């Protein structure tokens, strides 16, 4: 299993093969990121220890949107020059390509808190799909941490809360 994540200090992209036996060292800022040992069931994140994980298809969203946009544009162009059958063939063909991609692409597991991606996860794991309510809670947590860091850090020279 491979874990893709960002350095918590400088946002440098990192990758570790699991199980990792030593902390990962960032090549940009030399920060040591401890990797927790996780079981084969992947019940918590190996970087932040969060137990709320979700699964998604391990497919680049931009490529999927590009296929969809090309099919729509192809349909509109062929329909404008009265080649309706060619246009419908393009739309149905893109739907078939989408279906084949959906069936062949494997799942990835992602941590809500630190956005670490786990690829090559065993297929027997039962993680739920993305939940917007949980994601919003972690987004608000990140915002509060940044505000606390900004108020309590060196950005506020007086040391008083605004």
Foldseek 3Di string as FASTA:
>chain_A
DKKWFADPPPGHIDMDDPPDDAFDADPPPRDTFQFAHDDLLCQAHRGPRHRAKAKDFPDDPVVLVVLVVVLVVQLVVCVVVPNNVVSVCSVVVSVVVVVVCVVPTDMWMADLQGGMIHPPRDPVHDHHHDDPVSNVVNVVVVVVVVVCCCQCDVVDVVNDGD
